[in-house]
Amino acid sequence: MRWTSIVAIYLLFWALSVFLVLPFGVRTHEEAGAERVPGQADSAPHGYSFGKLVLRTTIVAAVLFGLYYANYVNGWITPADMDYLGTVKD
């Protein structure tokens, strides 16, 4: 696999991982015991930390990409294994 493919696939895993980790660790103003700004939604987060989000996303993406790459090298799951309709020919 070329290094450009590795970077592109990792970035795809990173973009997916953002949506996976985004809801974790979020607290509303009510849960944090802080006052809301007038007009603010009840579900608005209190104390958003972009750095934590990037760190968590990078870790999750690295683990997922590591599993993907290990499967690519070792061939644990191939397209033929996923062919439930019998359309892939070896």
C-alpha atoms as a PDB file:
ATOM      1  CA  MET A   1       0.000   0.000   0.000  1.00  0.00           C
ATOM      2  CA  ARG A   2       1.409   3.399  -0.929  1.00  0.00           C
ATOM      3  CA  TRP A   3       1.934   6.017   1.771  1.00  0.00           C
ATOM      4  CA  THR A   4      -0.548   8.384   0.092  1.00  0.00           C
ATOM      5  CA  SER A   5      -3.226   5.705   0.363  1.00  0.00           C
ATOM      6  CA  ILE A   6      -2.346   5.184   4.017  1.00  0.00           C
ATOM      7  CA  VAL A   7      -2.731   8.917   4.737  1.00  0.00           C
ATOM      8  CA  ALA A   8      -6.007   9.164   2.806  1.00  0.00           C
ATOM      9  CA  ILE A   9      -7.551   6.141   4.544  1.00  0.00           C
ATOM     10  CA  TYR A  10      -6.356   7.354   7.961  1.00  0.00           C
ATOM     11  CA  LEU A  11      -7.983  10.747   7.334  1.00  0.00           C
ATOM     12  CA  LEU A  12     -11.233   8.993   6.458  1.00  0.00           C
ATOM     13  CA  PHE A  13     -11.039   7.055   9.725  1.00  0.00           C
ATOM     14  CA  TRP A  14     -10.273  10.322  11.542  1.00  0.00           C
ATOM     15  CA  ALA A  15     -13.319  12.069  10.034  1.00  0.00           C
ATOM     16  CA  LEU A  16     -15.534   9.117  11.013  1.00  0.00           C
ATOM     17  CA  SER A  17     -14.057   9.068  14.504  1.00  0.00           C
ATOM     18  CA  VAL A  18     -14.995  12.713  15.104  1.00  0.00           C
ATOM     19  CA  PHE A  19     -18.649  11.741  14.957  1.00  0.00           C
ATOM     20  CA  LEU A  20     -18.044   8.699  17.139  1.00  0.00           C
ATOM     21  CA  VAL A  21     -16.378  10.605  20.015  1.00  0.00           C
ATOM     22  CA  LEU A  22     -18.276  13.905  19.765  1.00  0.00           C
ATOM     23  CA  PRO A  23     -21.095  13.024  22.193  1.00  0.00           C
ATOM     24  CA  PHE A  24     -18.812  11.618  24.923  1.00  0.00           C
ATOM     25  CA  GLY A  25     -17.888  13.858  27.851  1.00  0.00           C
ATOM     26  CA  VAL A  26     -20.392  16.574  26.952  1.00  0.00           C
ATOM     27  CA  ARG A  27     -22.295  18.135  29.843  1.00  0.00           C
ATOM     28  CA  THR A  28     -25.078  20.690  29.646  1.00  0.00           C
ATOM     29  CA  HIS A  29     -25.131  23.867  31.720  1.00  0.00           C
ATOM     30  CA  GLU A  30     -27.703  22.277  34.006  1.00  0.00           C
ATOM     31  CA  GLU A  31     -25.477  19.249  34.649  1.00  0.00           C
ATOM     32  CA  ALA A  32     -22.480  21.511  35.271  1.00  0.00           C
ATOM     33  CA  GLY A  33     -24.452  23.754  37.638  1.00  0.00           C
ATOM     34  CA  ALA A  34     -23.892  26.876  35.530  1.00  0.00           C
ATOM     35  CA  GLU A  35     -26.379  29.522  34.431  1.00  0.00           C
ATOM     36  CA  ARG A  36     -27.661  29.511  30.887  1.00  0.00           C
ATOM     37  CA  VAL A  37     -27.484  32.482  28.581  1.00  0.00           C
ATOM     38  CA  PRO A  38     -30.969  33.804  27.688  1.00  0.00           C
ATOM     39  CA  GLY A  39     -32.153  32.134  24.487  1.00  0.00           C
ATOM     40  CA  GLN A  40     -29.712  29.243  24.805  1.00  0.00           C
ATOM     41  CA  ALA A  41     -30.919  25.731  23.998  1.00  0.00           C
ATOM     42  CA  ASP A  42     -31.342  23.347  26.929  1.00  0.00           C
ATOM     43  CA  SER A  43     -29.005  20.872  25.235  1.00  0.00           C
ATOM     44  CA  ALA A  44     -26.140  23.318  24.548  1.00  0.00           C
ATOM     45  CA  PRO A  45     -22.802  22.030  25.849  1.00  0.00           C
ATOM     46  CA  HIS A  46     -20.973  23.674  28.726  1.00  0.00           C
ATOM     47  CA  GLY A  47     -17.201  24.105  28.412  1.00  0.00           C
ATOM     48  CA  TYR A  48     -16.433  22.643  24.977  1.00  0.00           C
ATOM     49  CA  SER A  49     -12.782  21.553  24.656  1.00  0.00           C
ATOM     50  CA  PHE A  50     -11.514  21.257  21.086  1.00  0.00           C
ATOM     51  CA  GLY A  51      -8.165  19.845  22.246  1.00  0.00           C
ATOM     52  CA  LYS A  52      -9.795  16.914  24.042  1.00  0.00           C
ATOM     53  CA  LEU A  53     -11.927  16.196  20.988  1.00  0.00           C
ATOM     54  CA  VAL A  54      -8.873  16.126  18.701  1.00  0.00           C
ATOM     55  CA  LEU A  55      -6.915  13.893  21.094  1.00  0.00           C
ATOM     56  CA  ARG A  56      -9.751  11.399  21.552  1.00  0.00           C
ATOM     57  CA  THR A  57     -10.461  11.375  17.821  1.00  0.00           C
ATOM     58  CA  THR A  58      -6.805  10.757  16.977  1.00  0.00           C
ATOM     59  CA  ILE A  59      -6.591   7.830  19.390  1.00  0.00           C
ATOM     60  CA  VAL A  60      -9.802   6.196  18.133  1.00  0.00           C
ATOM     61  CA  ALA A  61      -8.792   6.733  14.491  1.00  0.00           C
ATOM     62  CA  ALA A  62      -5.341   5.238  15.120  1.00  0.00           C
ATOM     63  CA  VAL A  63      -6.852   2.116  16.710  1.00  0.00           C
ATOM     64  CA  LEU A  64      -9.412   1.680  13.916  1.00  0.00           C
ATOM     65  CA  PHE A  65      -6.807   2.262  11.208  1.00  0.00           C
ATOM     66  CA  GLY A  66      -4.438  -0.162  12.940  1.00  0.00           C
ATOM     67  CA  LEU A  67      -7.122  -2.851  12.791  1.00  0.00           C
ATOM     68  CA  TYR A  68      -7.829  -2.018   9.153  1.00  0.00           C
ATOM     69  CA  TYR A  69      -4.152  -2.178   8.208  1.00  0.00           C
ATOM     70  CA  ALA A  70      -3.588  -5.428  10.127  1.00  0.00           C
ATOM     71  CA  ASN A  71      -6.513  -6.932   8.219  1.00  0.00           C
ATOM     72  CA  TYR A  72      -5.076  -5.602   4.941  1.00  0.00           C
ATOM     73  CA  VAL A  73      -1.687  -7.208   5.621  1.00  0.00           C
ATOM     74  CA  ASN A  74      -2.937 -10.501   7.082  1.00  0.00           C
ATOM     75  CA  GLY A  75      -6.106 -10.949   4.998  1.00  0.00           C
ATOM     76  CA  TRP A  76      -8.353 -11.961   7.882  1.00  0.00           C
ATOM     77  CA  ILE A  77     -11.524 -10.713   6.165  1.00  0.00           C
ATOM     78  CA  THR A  78     -11.577 -10.596   2.366  1.00  0.00           C
ATOM     79  CA  PRO A  79     -14.264  -9.408  -0.068  1.00  0.00           C
ATOM     80  CA  ALA A  80     -15.122 -13.055  -0.717  1.00  0.00           C
ATOM     81  CA  ASP A  81     -15.921 -13.467   2.983  1.00  0.00           C
ATOM     82  CA  MET A  82     -18.452 -10.653   2.747  1.00  0.00           C
ATOM     83  CA  ASP A  83     -20.129 -11.986  -0.414  1.00  0.00           C
ATOM     84  CA  TYR A  84     -23.488 -13.214   0.751  1.00  0.00           C
ATOM     85  CA  LEU A  85     -25.081 -13.226  -2.719  1.00  0.00           C
ATOM     86  CA  GLY A  86     -22.343 -15.236  -4.460  1.00  0.00           C
ATOM     87  CA  THR A  87     -21.351 -12.530  -6.949  1.00  0.00           C
ATOM     88  CA  VAL A  88     -17.605 -12.227  -6.178  1.00  0.00           C
ATOM     89  CA  LYS A  89     -15.390 -14.605  -8.112  1.00  0.00           C
ATOM     90  CA  ASP A  90     -11.872 -15.489  -6.927  1.00  0.00           C
END
